[in-house]
Amino acid sequence: MTLARIHYQWGYDKMVLNNIKEIVKTVIGKRSLQSETIKEMTYWLHNLEFLIIKVMMFAIGIHHLYVYTMKTMF
């Protein structure tokens, strides 16, 4: 599955990809990890974690709605 296809299906991969790119740029740009760099990376990873959790909760909700609809309709 390509990145473009995931974006078409879910629409959240661009934000995830941007966060990961920022983390990689920060680590590569600053060879030695300073406390500010670690704080920035922690902030980005925290945002990424919440984004993933939101997407998972949305997917679970849609799945339960689908199952409920199929059980009541058929």
C-alpha atoms as a PDB file:
ATOM      1  CA  MET A   1       0.000   0.000   0.000  1.00  0.00           C
ATOM      2  CA  THR A   2       1.541   3.300  -1.054  1.00  0.00           C
ATOM      3  CA  LEU A   3       1.639   6.476   0.988  1.00  0.00           C
ATOM      4  CA  ALA A   4      -0.697   8.237  -1.466  1.00  0.00           C
ATOM      5  CA  ARG A   5      -3.249   5.444  -1.112  1.00  0.00           C
ATOM      6  CA  ILE A   6      -3.127   5.629   2.685  1.00  0.00           C
ATOM      7  CA  HIS A   7      -3.632   9.403   2.476  1.00  0.00           C
ATOM      8  CA  TYR A   8      -6.603   8.892   0.201  1.00  0.00           C
ATOM      9  CA  GLN A   9      -8.130   6.319   2.532  1.00  0.00           C
ATOM     10  CA  TRP A  10      -7.427   7.866   5.926  1.00  0.00           C
ATOM     11  CA  GLY A  11      -6.236  11.448   5.469  1.00  0.00           C
ATOM     12  CA  TYR A  12      -4.004  11.462   8.536  1.00  0.00           C
ATOM     13  CA  ASP A  13      -0.710  10.169   7.156  1.00  0.00           C
ATOM     14  CA  LYS A  14       0.483  13.597   6.047  1.00  0.00           C
ATOM     15  CA  MET A  15       0.453  14.900   9.606  1.00  0.00           C
ATOM     16  CA  VAL A  16       2.173  11.762  10.912  1.00  0.00           C
ATOM     17  CA  LEU A  17       4.780  11.940   8.152  1.00  0.00           C
ATOM     18  CA  ASN A  18       5.460  15.619   8.871  1.00  0.00           C
ATOM     19  CA  ASN A  19       5.961  14.911  12.574  1.00  0.00           C
ATOM     20  CA  ILE A  20       8.359  12.056  11.843  1.00  0.00           C
ATOM     21  CA  LYS A  21      10.284  14.197   9.333  1.00  0.00           C
ATOM     22  CA  GLU A  22      10.624  16.982  11.909  1.00  0.00           C
ATOM     23  CA  ILE A  23      11.975  14.524  14.481  1.00  0.00           C
ATOM     24  CA  VAL A  24      14.506  13.147  11.994  1.00  0.00           C
ATOM     25  CA  LYS A  25      15.580  16.663  10.910  1.00  0.00           C
ATOM     26  CA  THR A  26      16.062  17.676  14.531  1.00  0.00           C
ATOM     27  CA  VAL A  27      18.151  14.629  15.364  1.00  0.00           C
ATOM     28  CA  ILE A  28      20.266  14.870  12.190  1.00  0.00           C
ATOM     29  CA  GLY A  29      20.645  18.658  12.420  1.00  0.00           C
ATOM     30  CA  LYS A  30      21.859  18.598  16.003  1.00  0.00           C
ATOM     31  CA  ARG A  31      24.404  15.832  16.347  1.00  0.00           C
ATOM     32  CA  SER A  32      24.469  16.067  20.128  1.00  0.00           C
ATOM     33  CA  LEU A  33      21.168  15.790  21.905  1.00  0.00           C
ATOM     34  CA  GLN A  34      20.604  18.755  24.164  1.00  0.00           C
ATOM     35  CA  SER A  35      17.817  19.114  26.682  1.00  0.00           C
ATOM     36  CA  GLU A  36      15.883  21.458  24.363  1.00  0.00           C
ATOM     37  CA  THR A  37      16.085  18.928  21.537  1.00  0.00           C
ATOM     38  CA  ILE A  38      14.827  16.175  23.799  1.00  0.00           C
ATOM     39  CA  LYS A  39      11.952  18.409  24.948  1.00  0.00           C
ATOM     40  CA  GLU A  40      11.003  19.183  21.334  1.00  0.00           C
ATOM     41  CA  MET A  41      11.112  15.518  20.351  1.00  0.00           C
ATOM     42  CA  THR A  42       9.019  14.578  23.376  1.00  0.00           C
ATOM     43  CA  TYR A  43       6.443  17.220  22.439  1.00  0.00           C
ATOM     44  CA  TRP A  44       6.232  15.960  18.840  1.00  0.00           C
ATOM     45  CA  LEU A  45       5.985  12.324  19.903  1.00  0.00           C
ATOM     46  CA  HIS A  46       3.285  13.214  22.427  1.00  0.00           C
ATOM     47  CA  ASN A  47       1.234  14.905  19.686  1.00  0.00           C
ATOM     48  CA  LEU A  48       1.812  11.947  17.381  1.00  0.00           C
ATOM     49  CA  GLU A  49       0.650   9.544  20.087  1.00  0.00           C
ATOM     50  CA  PHE A  50      -2.616  11.442  20.598  1.00  0.00           C
ATOM     51  CA  LEU A  51      -3.210  11.618  16.844  1.00  0.00           C
ATOM     52  CA  ILE A  52      -2.795   7.860  16.520  1.00  0.00           C
ATOM     53  CA  ILE A  53      -5.083   7.219  19.493  1.00  0.00           C
ATOM     54  CA  LYS A  54      -7.765   9.495  17.999  1.00  0.00           C
ATOM     55  CA  VAL A  55      -7.579   7.682  14.657  1.00  0.00           C
ATOM     56  CA  MET A  56      -7.807   4.292  16.364  1.00  0.00           C
ATOM     57  CA  MET A  57     -10.820   5.361  18.435  1.00  0.00           C
ATOM     58  CA  PHE A  58     -12.507   6.704  15.290  1.00  0.00           C
ATOM     59  CA  ALA A  59     -11.874   3.415  13.465  1.00  0.00           C
ATOM     60  CA  ILE A  60     -13.253   1.385  16.381  1.00  0.00           C
ATOM     61  CA  GLY A  61     -16.342   3.600  16.497  1.00  0.00           C
ATOM     62  CA  ILE A  62     -16.958   3.192  12.768  1.00  0.00           C
ATOM     63  CA  HIS A  63     -16.509  -0.583  13.086  1.00  0.00           C
ATOM     64  CA  HIS A  64     -19.042  -0.799  15.917  1.00  0.00           C
ATOM     65  CA  LEU A  65     -21.490   1.373  13.976  1.00  0.00           C
ATOM     66  CA  TYR A  66     -21.110  -0.926  10.958  1.00  0.00           C
ATOM     67  CA  VAL A  67     -21.654  -4.075  13.063  1.00  0.00           C
ATOM     68  CA  TYR A  68     -24.698  -2.552  14.781  1.00  0.00           C
ATOM     69  CA  THR A  69     -26.174  -1.496  11.429  1.00  0.00           C
ATOM     70  CA  MET A  70     -25.647  -4.933   9.900  1.00  0.00           C
ATOM     71  CA  LYS A  71     -27.238  -6.680  12.886  1.00  0.00           C
ATOM     72  CA  THR A  72     -30.307  -4.437  12.924  1.00  0.00           C
ATOM     73  CA  MET A  73     -30.828  -4.338   9.159  1.00  0.00           C
ATOM     74  CA  PHE A  74     -30.373  -8.042   8.431  1.00  0.00           C
END
